[in-house]
Amino acid sequence: MKKITVSIIAALAMNAFAFAGGDIAPVEPEVTVPEVVESTPGAFYVGLGYSYMNAHSDPFLYEREATIEEGDLTSNSLLLLAGYKYNQYLGLEARYTMNVDDVEFEYDGYPAIDLEDSDMTNIGIYAKGMYPVTEELDVYALLGYGQVTIDTGIEYFGDLSESGFQWGLGASYDVTENIGVFADYTRLYDDTGFDGYLDPETDVVVDSINVGMTYTF
């Protein structure tokens, strides 16, 4: 009886193997390859824009009377820039700003007048910290060093020039993979003792509002 039972079991097993094809394929373990995330390479970019520059000297008292130091020098200027993005958070940028028409001078609320043969320029280099708000939109800060030069075209004043710490805040938007637009505010000088002014105690502020576009290679 036992022999009959064993034979029946063996026959059923052989039929099952034959039905399955007669082979038992080994189960291979599934190997998961970790995804390698490539770092974003750096990129060079250049830019072109418009800058409205303003140099303002606060009034101060000299023998209880306001001197002619109070006033504003303004210019419509061309902004040229070039930079390098090390990654999405850090870059280095150089800028040069120069007026495209005569510098205007406004004093004590009188109408502005054009100063012939006048110039207002700035050159600076900045560390650029960036924060991506979206895939296309970045906000950024500029921290660096630069030199402001103002030639009023008036022999009495001569060239006014001063170097120092500069900073800025702005935002940029990528229109395409290579083309972007930007807008920012830069403080180019904020101190006393601007070289060339009549009184070294005059507080002088030079700043600019800038808009433009960039091309990334």
N, C-alpha and C. Protein backbone atom coordinates (compact mmCIF):
# COMPACT_ATOMS: atom_id res chain seq x y z
N MET A 1 0.84 -1.21 0.00
CA MET A 1 0.00 0.00 0.00
C MET A 1 0.86 1.24 0.00
N LYS A 2 1.93 1.22 0.82
CA LYS A 2 2.82 2.37 0.87
C LYS A 2 3.52 2.58 -0.46
N LYS A 3 3.90 1.43 -1.12
CA LYS A 3 4.57 1.57 -2.39
C LYS A 3 3.66 2.18 -3.43
N ILE A 4 2.38 1.82 -3.39
CA ILE A 4 1.42 2.39 -4.35
C ILE A 4 1.26 3.89 -4.12
N THR A 5 1.17 4.26 -2.85
CA THR A 5 1.02 5.70 -2.54
C THR A 5 2.22 6.50 -3.00
N VAL A 6 3.41 6.02 -2.76
CA VAL A 6 4.64 6.72 -3.20
C VAL A 6 4.69 6.83 -4.70
N SER A 7 4.29 5.79 -5.39
CA SER A 7 4.30 5.82 -6.86
C SER A 7 3.34 6.86 -7.40
N ILE A 8 2.16 6.93 -6.78
CA ILE A 8 1.17 7.93 -7.23
C ILE A 8 1.71 9.34 -7.04
N ILE A 9 2.33 9.61 -5.89
CA ILE A 9 2.88 10.95 -5.62
C ILE A 9 3.99 11.30 -6.61
N ALA A 10 4.85 10.30 -6.89
CA ALA A 10 5.94 10.54 -7.83
C ALA A 10 5.41 10.84 -9.22
N ALA A 11 4.37 10.10 -9.62
CA ALA A 11 3.79 10.31 -10.95
C ALA A 11 3.18 11.70 -11.06
N LEU A 12 2.46 12.12 -10.01
CA LEU A 12 1.86 13.46 -10.03
C LEU A 12 2.92 14.55 -10.10
N ALA A 13 4.02 14.36 -9.38
CA ALA A 13 5.10 15.35 -9.40
C ALA A 13 5.73 15.45 -10.77
N MET A 14 5.95 14.30 -11.42
CA MET A 14 6.55 14.31 -12.75
C MET A 14 5.63 14.99 -13.76
N ASN A 15 4.33 14.71 -13.64
CA ASN A 15 3.38 15.37 -14.55
C ASN A 15 3.37 16.89 -14.35
N ALA A 16 3.48 17.33 -13.09
CA ALA A 16 3.50 18.78 -12.81
C ALA A 16 4.73 19.43 -13.42
N PHE A 17 5.90 18.78 -13.30
CA PHE A 17 7.12 19.32 -13.89
C PHE A 17 7.01 19.38 -15.42
N ALA A 18 6.43 18.30 -15.97
CA ALA A 18 6.29 18.26 -17.42
C ALA A 18 5.35 19.35 -17.91
N PHE A 19 4.27 19.60 -17.16
CA PHE A 19 3.32 20.65 -17.53
C PHE A 19 3.97 22.05 -17.46
N ALA A 20 4.86 22.20 -16.49
CA ALA A 20 5.53 23.50 -16.33
C ALA A 20 6.70 23.66 -17.27
N GLY A 21 6.96 22.67 -18.07
CA GLY A 21 8.06 22.79 -19.01
C GLY A 21 9.26 21.97 -18.60
N GLY A 22 9.20 21.35 -17.45
CA GLY A 22 10.25 20.46 -17.04
C GLY A 22 11.46 21.13 -16.43
N ASP A 23 11.47 22.43 -16.42
CA ASP A 23 12.62 23.16 -15.87
C ASP A 23 12.15 24.11 -14.78
N ILE A 24 12.96 24.30 -13.78
CA ILE A 24 12.69 25.26 -12.72
C ILE A 24 13.73 26.37 -12.85
N ALA A 25 13.30 27.55 -13.33
CA ALA A 25 14.23 28.66 -13.54
C ALA A 25 14.62 29.26 -12.20
N PRO A 26 15.89 29.49 -11.98
CA PRO A 26 16.32 30.10 -10.72
C PRO A 26 15.84 31.55 -10.64
N VAL A 27 15.49 31.98 -9.46
CA VAL A 27 15.03 33.36 -9.24
C VAL A 27 16.25 34.24 -9.00
N GLU A 28 16.48 35.16 -9.94
CA GLU A 28 17.63 36.06 -9.80
C GLU A 28 17.25 37.25 -8.94
N PRO A 29 18.12 37.63 -8.01
CA PRO A 29 17.82 38.79 -7.16
C PRO A 29 17.80 40.08 -7.96
N GLU A 30 16.88 40.97 -7.64
CA GLU A 30 16.77 42.26 -8.33
C GLU A 30 17.78 43.24 -7.74
N VAL A 31 18.61 43.75 -8.60
CA VAL A 31 19.66 44.67 -8.16
C VAL A 31 19.24 46.10 -8.51
N THR A 32 19.17 46.96 -7.53
CA THR A 32 18.80 48.37 -7.74
C THR A 32 20.06 49.21 -7.80
N VAL A 33 20.25 49.89 -8.94
CA VAL A 33 21.42 50.76 -9.12
C VAL A 33 21.05 52.16 -8.68
N PRO A 34 21.77 52.72 -7.72
CA PRO A 34 21.43 54.06 -7.25
C PRO A 34 21.62 55.10 -8.35
N GLU A 35 20.68 56.04 -8.43
CA GLU A 35 20.73 57.09 -9.44
C GLU A 35 21.82 58.09 -9.10
N VAL A 36 22.66 58.37 -10.08
CA VAL A 36 23.74 59.32 -9.88
C VAL A 36 23.26 60.70 -10.32
N VAL A 37 23.22 61.66 -9.40
CA VAL A 37 22.79 63.02 -9.70
C VAL A 37 24.00 63.85 -10.08
N GLU A 38 24.01 64.30 -11.33
CA GLU A 38 25.14 65.08 -11.80
C GLU A 38 25.00 66.53 -11.34
N SER A 39 26.11 67.10 -10.91
CA SER A 39 26.10 68.49 -10.48
C SER A 39 26.00 69.41 -11.69
N THR A 40 25.31 70.53 -11.53
CA THR A 40 25.15 71.49 -12.61
C THR A 40 26.47 72.20 -12.87
N PRO A 41 26.98 72.14 -14.11
CA PRO A 41 28.25 72.80 -14.38
C PRO A 41 28.11 74.31 -14.36
N GLY A 42 29.22 75.01 -14.17
CA GLY A 42 29.19 76.46 -14.17
C GLY A 42 28.90 77.01 -15.56
N ALA A 43 28.58 78.29 -15.64
CA ALA A 43 28.22 78.88 -16.92
C ALA A 43 28.63 80.35 -16.96
N PHE A 44 29.18 80.77 -18.10
CA PHE A 44 29.49 82.17 -18.33
C PHE A 44 28.25 82.88 -18.87
N TYR A 45 28.12 84.17 -18.56
CA TYR A 45 27.02 84.96 -19.12
C TYR A 45 27.47 86.40 -19.30
N VAL A 46 26.82 87.10 -20.22
CA VAL A 46 27.04 88.52 -20.45
C VAL A 46 25.68 89.21 -20.42
N GLY A 47 25.71 90.52 -20.21
CA GLY A 47 24.44 91.24 -20.13
C GLY A 47 24.55 92.67 -20.61
N LEU A 48 23.40 93.23 -20.93
CA LEU A 48 23.29 94.59 -21.42
C LEU A 48 22.03 95.18 -20.82
N GLY A 49 22.12 96.46 -20.35
CA GLY A 49 20.94 97.04 -19.73
C GLY A 49 20.97 98.55 -19.66
N TYR A 50 19.90 99.07 -19.10
CA TYR A 50 19.75 100.50 -18.85
C TYR A 50 19.90 100.76 -17.36
N SER A 51 20.58 101.86 -17.03
CA SER A 51 20.79 102.22 -15.64
C SER A 51 20.48 103.71 -15.44
N TYR A 52 19.68 103.98 -14.40
CA TYR A 52 19.44 105.38 -14.00
C TYR A 52 20.29 105.64 -12.76
N MET A 53 21.34 106.45 -12.93
CA MET A 53 22.27 106.74 -11.84
C MET A 53 21.95 108.08 -11.20
N ASN A 54 22.12 108.13 -9.89
CA ASN A 54 21.87 109.35 -9.15
C ASN A 54 22.93 109.54 -8.07
N ALA A 55 23.51 110.73 -8.03
CA ALA A 55 24.45 111.10 -6.97
C ALA A 55 23.83 112.25 -6.20
N HIS A 56 23.53 112.02 -4.93
CA HIS A 56 22.87 113.03 -4.11
C HIS A 56 23.76 113.42 -2.95
N SER A 57 23.92 114.71 -2.76
CA SER A 57 24.67 115.23 -1.61
C SER A 57 23.68 115.92 -0.68
N ASP A 58 23.65 115.47 0.57
CA ASP A 58 22.73 116.05 1.55
C ASP A 58 23.18 117.46 1.93
N PRO A 59 22.23 118.34 2.27
CA PRO A 59 22.61 119.69 2.69
C PRO A 59 23.33 119.66 4.04
N PHE A 60 24.23 120.58 4.21
CA PHE A 60 24.87 120.73 5.51
C PHE A 60 25.10 122.22 5.73
N LEU A 61 25.29 122.61 6.97
CA LEU A 61 25.43 124.03 7.31
C LEU A 61 26.89 124.44 7.38
N TYR A 62 27.17 125.56 6.77
CA TYR A 62 28.50 126.15 6.84
C TYR A 62 28.31 127.62 7.17
N GLU A 63 28.72 128.01 8.35
CA GLU A 63 28.49 129.37 8.85
C GLU A 63 27.00 129.70 8.81
N ARG A 64 26.17 128.64 9.22
CA ARG A 64 24.72 128.77 9.36
C ARG A 64 24.01 129.02 8.04
N GLU A 65 24.65 128.75 6.95
CA GLU A 65 24.00 128.88 5.65
C GLU A 65 24.25 127.62 4.84
N ALA A 66 23.22 127.19 4.13
CA ALA A 66 23.37 126.01 3.28
C ALA A 66 24.29 126.34 2.11
N THR A 67 25.21 125.45 1.84
CA THR A 67 26.15 125.70 0.74
C THR A 67 25.61 125.06 -0.53
N ILE A 68 26.34 125.24 -1.62
CA ILE A 68 25.91 124.69 -2.90
C ILE A 68 26.15 123.19 -2.99
N GLU A 69 26.59 122.59 -1.89
CA GLU A 69 26.82 121.15 -1.90
C GLU A 69 25.52 120.37 -2.05
N GLU A 70 24.37 120.97 -1.72
CA GLU A 70 23.11 120.24 -1.83
C GLU A 70 22.68 120.15 -3.28
N GLY A 71 22.45 118.94 -3.75
CA GLY A 71 22.02 118.81 -5.13
C GLY A 71 22.06 117.38 -5.60
N ASP A 72 21.60 117.17 -6.84
CA ASP A 72 21.57 115.85 -7.45
C ASP A 72 22.20 115.88 -8.82
N LEU A 73 23.02 114.88 -9.08
CA LEU A 73 23.56 114.64 -10.41
C LEU A 73 22.95 113.33 -10.90
N THR A 74 22.29 113.36 -12.06
CA THR A 74 21.63 112.15 -12.57
C THR A 74 22.06 111.90 -14.01
N SER A 75 21.97 110.63 -14.40
CA SER A 75 22.33 110.30 -15.78
C SER A 75 21.58 109.07 -16.25
N ASN A 76 21.27 109.06 -17.55
CA ASN A 76 20.77 107.86 -18.22
C ASN A 76 21.99 107.12 -18.75
N SER A 77 22.13 105.87 -18.33
CA SER A 77 23.40 105.18 -18.56
C SER A 77 23.22 103.81 -19.19
N LEU A 78 24.29 103.35 -19.80
CA LEU A 78 24.37 102.01 -20.37
C LEU A 78 25.10 101.11 -19.39
N LEU A 79 24.52 99.94 -19.13
CA LEU A 79 25.11 98.97 -18.20
C LEU A 79 25.62 97.77 -18.98
N LEU A 80 26.91 97.45 -18.80
CA LEU A 80 27.51 96.26 -19.38
C LEU A 80 27.94 95.35 -18.24
N LEU A 81 27.70 94.05 -18.38
CA LEU A 81 28.09 93.13 -17.32
C LEU A 81 28.53 91.79 -17.89
N ALA A 82 29.35 91.10 -17.11
CA ALA A 82 29.79 89.75 -17.45
C ALA A 82 29.98 89.00 -16.15
N GLY A 83 29.64 87.71 -16.17
CA GLY A 83 29.73 86.96 -14.93
C GLY A 83 29.91 85.48 -15.15
N TYR A 84 30.06 84.78 -14.04
CA TYR A 84 30.20 83.32 -14.07
C TYR A 84 29.41 82.73 -12.91
N LYS A 85 28.53 81.78 -13.22
CA LYS A 85 27.77 81.07 -12.19
C LYS A 85 28.50 79.78 -11.84
N TYR A 86 28.98 79.69 -10.61
CA TYR A 86 29.62 78.45 -10.17
C TYR A 86 28.58 77.35 -9.97
N ASN A 87 27.44 77.72 -9.45
CA ASN A 87 26.31 76.82 -9.27
C ASN A 87 25.06 77.68 -9.16
N GLN A 88 23.94 77.10 -8.76
CA GLN A 88 22.69 77.87 -8.71
C GLN A 88 22.63 78.86 -7.55
N TYR A 89 23.63 78.82 -6.66
CA TYR A 89 23.60 79.70 -5.49
C TYR A 89 24.71 80.76 -5.47
N LEU A 90 25.76 80.58 -6.22
CA LEU A 90 26.91 81.48 -6.10
C LEU A 90 27.49 81.82 -7.47
N GLY A 91 27.82 83.10 -7.64
CA GLY A 91 28.43 83.55 -8.87
C GLY A 91 29.35 84.73 -8.63
N LEU A 92 30.02 85.15 -9.68
CA LEU A 92 30.90 86.31 -9.66
C LEU A 92 30.54 87.19 -10.84
N GLU A 93 30.39 88.50 -10.61
CA GLU A 93 29.91 89.39 -11.67
C GLU A 93 30.68 90.70 -11.68
N ALA A 94 31.03 91.16 -12.87
CA ALA A 94 31.69 92.45 -13.06
C ALA A 94 30.76 93.36 -13.86
N ARG A 95 30.72 94.65 -13.48
CA ARG A 95 29.82 95.60 -14.14
C ARG A 95 30.56 96.90 -14.48
N TYR A 96 30.12 97.48 -15.60
CA TYR A 96 30.60 98.81 -15.97
C TYR A 96 29.40 99.62 -16.43
N THR A 97 29.23 100.81 -15.86
CA THR A 97 28.11 101.69 -16.18
C THR A 97 28.64 103.03 -16.66
N MET A 98 28.10 103.53 -17.78
CA MET A 98 28.55 104.82 -18.32
C MET A 98 27.35 105.57 -18.87
N ASN A 99 27.37 106.88 -18.71
CA ASN A 99 26.25 107.69 -19.19
C ASN A 99 26.24 107.75 -20.71
N VAL A 100 25.03 107.87 -21.27
CA VAL A 100 24.88 107.94 -22.73
C VAL A 100 24.48 109.35 -23.18
N ASP A 101 24.20 110.23 -22.23
CA ASP A 101 23.96 111.64 -22.56
C ASP A 101 24.56 112.49 -21.46
N ASP A 102 24.37 113.81 -21.53
CA ASP A 102 24.94 114.70 -20.52
C ASP A 102 24.35 114.43 -19.14
N VAL A 103 25.18 114.58 -18.13
CA VAL A 103 24.71 114.46 -16.75
C VAL A 103 23.87 115.70 -16.42
N GLU A 104 22.76 115.49 -15.73
CA GLU A 104 21.90 116.60 -15.32
C GLU A 104 22.21 117.00 -13.88
N PHE A 105 22.15 118.29 -13.62
CA PHE A 105 22.41 118.82 -12.29
C PHE A 105 21.19 119.60 -11.81
N GLU A 106 20.68 119.22 -10.64
CA GLU A 106 19.54 119.91 -10.05
C GLU A 106 19.95 120.40 -8.67
N TYR A 107 19.73 121.68 -8.41
CA TYR A 107 20.21 122.29 -7.18
C TYR A 107 19.09 123.05 -6.50
N ASP A 108 18.86 122.71 -5.20
CA ASP A 108 17.89 123.43 -4.38
C ASP A 108 16.52 123.55 -5.02
N GLY A 109 16.08 122.51 -5.75
CA GLY A 109 14.75 122.52 -6.34
C GLY A 109 14.64 123.26 -7.65
N TYR A 110 15.72 123.86 -8.14
CA TYR A 110 15.68 124.52 -9.43
C TYR A 110 15.59 123.48 -10.55
N PRO A 111 15.08 123.85 -11.73
CA PRO A 111 15.00 122.90 -12.84
C PRO A 111 16.38 122.34 -13.17
N ALA A 112 16.40 121.08 -13.56
CA ALA A 112 17.67 120.43 -13.89
C ALA A 112 18.28 121.05 -15.15
N ILE A 113 19.59 121.14 -15.16
CA ILE A 113 20.32 121.64 -16.32
C ILE A 113 21.31 120.58 -16.78
N ASP A 114 21.54 120.55 -18.08
CA ASP A 114 22.51 119.61 -18.64
C ASP A 114 23.91 120.17 -18.50
N LEU A 115 24.81 119.33 -18.02
CA LEU A 115 26.21 119.72 -17.90
C LEU A 115 26.96 119.20 -19.12
N GLU A 116 27.41 120.11 -19.96
CA GLU A 116 28.10 119.71 -21.18
C GLU A 116 29.45 119.06 -20.86
N ASP A 117 29.80 118.08 -21.69
CA ASP A 117 31.08 117.35 -21.54
C ASP A 117 31.20 116.68 -20.16
N SER A 118 30.07 116.24 -19.64
CA SER A 118 30.08 115.61 -18.31
C SER A 118 30.00 114.08 -18.45
N ASP A 119 30.47 113.41 -17.42
CA ASP A 119 30.44 111.94 -17.40
C ASP A 119 30.15 111.45 -15.99
N MET A 120 29.47 110.31 -15.91
CA MET A 120 29.26 109.62 -14.64
C MET A 120 29.40 108.13 -14.91
N THR A 121 30.39 107.51 -14.31
CA THR A 121 30.66 106.10 -14.56
C THR A 121 30.84 105.34 -13.25
N ASN A 122 30.69 104.04 -13.35
CA ASN A 122 30.99 103.15 -12.21
C ASN A 122 31.53 101.84 -12.75
N ILE A 123 32.52 101.31 -12.07
CA ILE A 123 33.05 99.99 -12.38
C ILE A 123 33.16 99.21 -11.08
N GLY A 124 32.71 97.96 -11.09
CA GLY A 124 32.72 97.18 -9.85
C GLY A 124 32.75 95.69 -10.12
N ILE A 125 33.17 94.95 -9.12
CA ILE A 125 33.15 93.50 -9.18
C ILE A 125 32.49 92.98 -7.91
N TYR A 126 31.64 91.95 -8.06
CA TYR A 126 30.77 91.55 -6.96
C TYR A 126 30.69 90.02 -6.84
N ALA A 127 30.59 89.57 -5.61
CA ALA A 127 30.14 88.21 -5.34
C ALA A 127 28.62 88.22 -5.43
N LYS A 128 28.06 87.23 -6.09
CA LYS A 128 26.62 87.21 -6.35
C LYS A 128 26.00 85.99 -5.68
N GLY A 129 25.20 86.23 -4.66
CA GLY A 129 24.48 85.15 -4.00
C GLY A 129 23.08 85.05 -4.56
N MET A 130 22.68 83.84 -4.99
CA MET A 130 21.39 83.66 -5.65
C MET A 130 20.53 82.63 -4.91
N TYR A 131 19.22 82.83 -4.99
CA TYR A 131 18.29 81.85 -4.41
C TYR A 131 17.19 81.58 -5.42
N PRO A 132 17.06 80.32 -5.90
CA PRO A 132 16.02 79.99 -6.88
C PRO A 132 14.64 79.89 -6.23
N VAL A 133 13.77 80.82 -6.57
CA VAL A 133 12.39 80.80 -6.07
C VAL A 133 11.57 79.77 -6.84
N THR A 134 11.72 79.77 -8.16
CA THR A 134 11.14 78.75 -9.03
C THR A 134 12.24 78.32 -9.99
N GLU A 135 11.89 77.45 -10.93
CA GLU A 135 12.88 76.99 -11.89
C GLU A 135 13.39 78.14 -12.76
N GLU A 136 12.53 79.14 -12.99
CA GLU A 136 12.91 80.27 -13.85
C GLU A 136 13.30 81.52 -13.07
N LEU A 137 12.77 81.71 -11.87
CA LEU A 137 12.92 82.96 -11.13
C LEU A 137 13.95 82.84 -10.01
N ASP A 138 14.91 83.78 -10.01
CA ASP A 138 15.92 83.87 -8.94
C ASP A 138 15.86 85.24 -8.30
N VAL A 139 16.11 85.30 -7.01
CA VAL A 139 16.41 86.57 -6.36
C VAL A 139 17.89 86.52 -5.99
N TYR A 140 18.54 87.70 -5.94
CA TYR A 140 19.97 87.69 -5.70
C TYR A 140 20.43 88.94 -4.97
N ALA A 141 21.62 88.83 -4.41
CA ALA A 141 22.28 89.95 -3.75
C ALA A 141 23.69 90.10 -4.29
N LEU A 142 24.13 91.34 -4.41
CA LEU A 142 25.48 91.65 -4.88
C LEU A 142 26.27 92.29 -3.74
N LEU A 143 27.47 91.80 -3.51
CA LEU A 143 28.37 92.36 -2.50
C LEU A 143 29.74 92.48 -3.12
N GLY A 144 30.29 93.73 -3.15
CA GLY A 144 31.58 93.86 -3.79
C GLY A 144 32.24 95.21 -3.59
N TYR A 145 33.08 95.54 -4.52
CA TYR A 145 33.91 96.74 -4.43
C TYR A 145 33.90 97.43 -5.79
N GLY A 146 33.82 98.78 -5.77
CA GLY A 146 33.80 99.50 -7.03
C GLY A 146 34.25 100.94 -6.90
N GLN A 147 34.29 101.61 -8.04
CA GLN A 147 34.72 103.00 -8.08
C GLN A 147 33.74 103.83 -8.90
N VAL A 148 33.27 104.92 -8.29
CA VAL A 148 32.40 105.88 -8.96
C VAL A 148 33.23 107.08 -9.37
N THR A 149 33.06 107.51 -10.63
CA THR A 149 33.77 108.69 -11.13
C THR A 149 32.76 109.64 -11.76
N ILE A 150 32.81 110.91 -11.36
CA ILE A 150 31.91 111.93 -11.90
C ILE A 150 32.75 113.08 -12.42
N ASP A 151 32.60 113.37 -13.70
CA ASP A 151 33.24 114.53 -14.32
C ASP A 151 32.12 115.50 -14.67
N THR A 152 32.01 116.59 -13.93
CA THR A 152 30.91 117.53 -14.14
C THR A 152 31.10 118.40 -15.38
N GLY A 153 32.30 118.39 -15.92
CA GLY A 153 32.59 119.28 -17.04
C GLY A 153 32.84 120.71 -16.60
N ILE A 154 32.79 120.95 -15.28
CA ILE A 154 33.05 122.28 -14.72
C ILE A 154 34.46 122.30 -14.16
N GLU A 155 35.28 123.17 -14.65
CA GLU A 155 36.69 123.20 -14.26
C GLU A 155 36.84 123.40 -12.76
N TYR A 156 35.94 124.14 -12.14
CA TYR A 156 36.03 124.43 -10.70
C TYR A 156 35.95 123.16 -9.87
N PHE A 157 35.11 122.19 -10.32
CA PHE A 157 34.95 120.95 -9.58
C PHE A 157 35.99 119.90 -9.97
N GLY A 158 36.29 119.82 -11.26
CA GLY A 158 37.19 118.77 -11.71
C GLY A 158 36.51 117.40 -11.65
N ASP A 159 37.33 116.35 -11.58
CA ASP A 159 36.80 114.99 -11.49
C ASP A 159 36.52 114.62 -10.05
N LEU A 160 35.35 114.05 -9.81
CA LEU A 160 34.99 113.54 -8.50
C LEU A 160 35.06 112.02 -8.56
N SER A 161 35.82 111.42 -7.68
CA SER A 161 36.00 109.97 -7.75
C SER A 161 36.17 109.38 -6.36
N GLU A 162 35.55 108.21 -6.16
CA GLU A 162 35.68 107.54 -4.86
C GLU A 162 35.47 106.04 -5.03
N SER A 163 36.24 105.26 -4.28
CA SER A 163 36.13 103.79 -4.31
C SER A 163 35.62 103.30 -2.95
N GLY A 164 34.98 102.14 -2.96
CA GLY A 164 34.52 101.58 -1.70
C GLY A 164 33.58 100.41 -1.88
N PHE A 165 32.99 100.01 -0.75
CA PHE A 165 32.05 98.88 -0.72
C PHE A 165 30.78 99.22 -1.48
N GLN A 166 30.30 98.27 -2.26
CA GLN A 166 29.05 98.43 -3.00
C GLN A 166 28.19 97.19 -2.81
N TRP A 167 26.86 97.38 -2.89
CA TRP A 167 25.95 96.24 -2.75
C TRP A 167 24.71 96.46 -3.60
N GLY A 168 23.95 95.38 -3.80
CA GLY A 168 22.73 95.48 -4.59
C GLY A 168 21.78 94.32 -4.30
N LEU A 169 20.52 94.53 -4.68
CA LEU A 169 19.48 93.51 -4.54
C LEU A 169 18.66 93.47 -5.83
N GLY A 170 18.30 92.27 -6.27
CA GLY A 170 17.54 92.19 -7.50
C GLY A 170 16.91 90.84 -7.74
N ALA A 171 16.33 90.69 -8.93
CA ALA A 171 15.69 89.45 -9.33
C ALA A 171 15.92 89.25 -10.82
N SER A 172 15.99 87.98 -11.23
CA SER A 172 16.18 87.64 -12.64
C SER A 172 15.19 86.55 -13.03
N TYR A 173 14.83 86.52 -14.32
CA TYR A 173 13.87 85.55 -14.81
C TYR A 173 14.38 84.98 -16.13
N ASP A 174 14.43 83.65 -16.23
CA ASP A 174 14.89 82.98 -17.44
C ASP A 174 13.74 82.89 -18.43
N VAL A 175 13.84 83.64 -19.52
CA VAL A 175 12.82 83.60 -20.56
C VAL A 175 12.97 82.32 -21.38
N THR A 176 14.22 81.99 -21.72
CA THR A 176 14.54 80.74 -22.40
C THR A 176 15.73 80.12 -21.67
N GLU A 177 16.27 79.04 -22.23
CA GLU A 177 17.42 78.38 -21.62
C GLU A 177 18.63 79.29 -21.58
N ASN A 178 18.74 80.20 -22.57
CA ASN A 178 19.92 81.06 -22.67
C ASN A 178 19.65 82.52 -22.35
N ILE A 179 18.43 82.98 -22.52
CA ILE A 179 18.12 84.41 -22.39
C ILE A 179 17.35 84.66 -21.10
N GLY A 180 17.78 85.68 -20.36
CA GLY A 180 17.10 86.06 -19.13
C GLY A 180 16.95 87.57 -19.04
N VAL A 181 16.07 88.02 -18.17
CA VAL A 181 15.89 89.45 -17.90
C VAL A 181 16.11 89.67 -16.41
N PHE A 182 16.49 90.90 -16.05
CA PHE A 182 16.76 91.19 -14.65
C PHE A 182 16.40 92.63 -14.32
N ALA A 183 16.21 92.89 -13.03
CA ALA A 183 16.00 94.24 -12.50
C ALA A 183 16.62 94.27 -11.12
N ASP A 184 17.35 95.34 -10.82
CA ASP A 184 17.96 95.42 -9.49
C ASP A 184 18.25 96.87 -9.08
N TYR A 185 18.55 97.01 -7.81
CA TYR A 185 18.95 98.29 -7.23
C TYR A 185 20.36 98.11 -6.68
N THR A 186 21.24 99.09 -6.95
CA THR A 186 22.61 99.03 -6.43
C THR A 186 22.96 100.31 -5.69
N ARG A 187 23.59 100.15 -4.54
CA ARG A 187 24.12 101.29 -3.77
C ARG A 187 25.62 101.34 -4.04
N LEU A 188 26.04 102.39 -4.74
CA LEU A 188 27.41 102.47 -5.22
C LEU A 188 28.32 103.25 -4.27
N TYR A 189 27.74 104.14 -3.47
CA TYR A 189 28.53 104.88 -2.49
C TYR A 189 27.59 105.48 -1.46
N ASP A 190 28.01 105.47 -0.21
CA ASP A 190 27.20 106.06 0.86
C ASP A 190 28.12 106.41 2.02
N ASP A 191 28.66 107.62 1.97
CA ASP A 191 29.63 108.02 3.00
C ASP A 191 29.93 109.50 2.84
N THR A 192 30.74 110.00 3.74
CA THR A 192 31.25 111.37 3.63
C THR A 192 32.64 111.32 3.01
N GLY A 193 33.15 112.49 2.68
CA GLY A 193 34.51 112.57 2.17
C GLY A 193 34.67 112.14 0.73
N PHE A 194 33.62 112.32 -0.07
CA PHE A 194 33.74 111.98 -1.50
C PHE A 194 34.79 112.87 -2.13
N ASP A 195 35.79 112.27 -2.71
CA ASP A 195 36.93 113.00 -3.25
C ASP A 195 36.50 114.01 -4.31
N GLY A 196 36.86 115.28 -4.09
CA GLY A 196 36.55 116.32 -5.05
C GLY A 196 35.47 117.28 -4.59
N TYR A 197 34.65 116.87 -3.60
CA TYR A 197 33.63 117.78 -3.08
C TYR A 197 34.29 118.87 -2.23
N LEU A 198 33.60 120.00 -2.14
CA LEU A 198 34.18 121.15 -1.46
C LEU A 198 34.39 120.90 0.03
N ASP A 199 33.45 120.22 0.65
CA ASP A 199 33.54 120.00 2.08
C ASP A 199 33.61 118.50 2.34
N PRO A 200 34.62 118.02 3.05
CA PRO A 200 34.77 116.59 3.30
C PRO A 200 33.69 116.01 4.20
N GLU A 201 32.89 116.86 4.86
CA GLU A 201 31.85 116.37 5.76
C GLU A 201 30.52 116.16 5.06
N THR A 202 30.44 116.48 3.77
CA THR A 202 29.20 116.30 3.03
C THR A 202 28.88 114.82 2.86
N ASP A 203 27.65 114.46 3.16
CA ASP A 203 27.21 113.08 3.00
C ASP A 203 26.75 112.87 1.56
N VAL A 204 27.39 111.95 0.86
CA VAL A 204 27.09 111.70 -0.55
C VAL A 204 26.58 110.27 -0.71
N VAL A 205 25.47 110.13 -1.44
CA VAL A 205 24.91 108.82 -1.76
C VAL A 205 24.82 108.70 -3.28
N VAL A 206 25.41 107.64 -3.82
CA VAL A 206 25.32 107.35 -5.25
C VAL A 206 24.66 105.98 -5.40
N ASP A 207 23.58 105.92 -6.16
CA ASP A 207 22.91 104.64 -6.37
C ASP A 207 22.40 104.56 -7.81
N SER A 208 21.83 103.41 -8.15
CA SER A 208 21.31 103.23 -9.50
C SER A 208 20.20 102.20 -9.51
N ILE A 209 19.28 102.37 -10.45
CA ILE A 209 18.22 101.40 -10.72
C ILE A 209 18.49 100.84 -12.11
N ASN A 210 18.52 99.49 -12.23
CA ASN A 210 18.97 98.86 -13.45
C ASN A 210 17.98 97.82 -13.96
N VAL A 211 17.81 97.78 -15.26
CA VAL A 211 17.02 96.73 -15.91
C VAL A 211 17.79 96.29 -17.16
N GLY A 212 17.65 95.02 -17.51
CA GLY A 212 18.37 94.56 -18.69
C GLY A 212 18.13 93.10 -18.99
N MET A 213 18.97 92.55 -19.86
CA MET A 213 18.85 91.16 -20.23
C MET A 213 20.24 90.52 -20.27
N THR A 214 20.26 89.20 -20.12
CA THR A 214 21.51 88.46 -20.11
C THR A 214 21.44 87.31 -21.11
N TYR A 215 22.63 86.88 -21.54
CA TYR A 215 22.74 85.70 -22.40
C TYR A 215 23.74 84.74 -21.77
N THR A 216 23.31 83.52 -21.50
CA THR A 216 24.16 82.50 -20.88
C THR A 216 24.66 81.53 -21.92
N PHE A 217 25.96 81.29 -21.94
CA PHE A 217 26.56 80.41 -22.94
C PHE A 217 26.44 78.94 -22.52
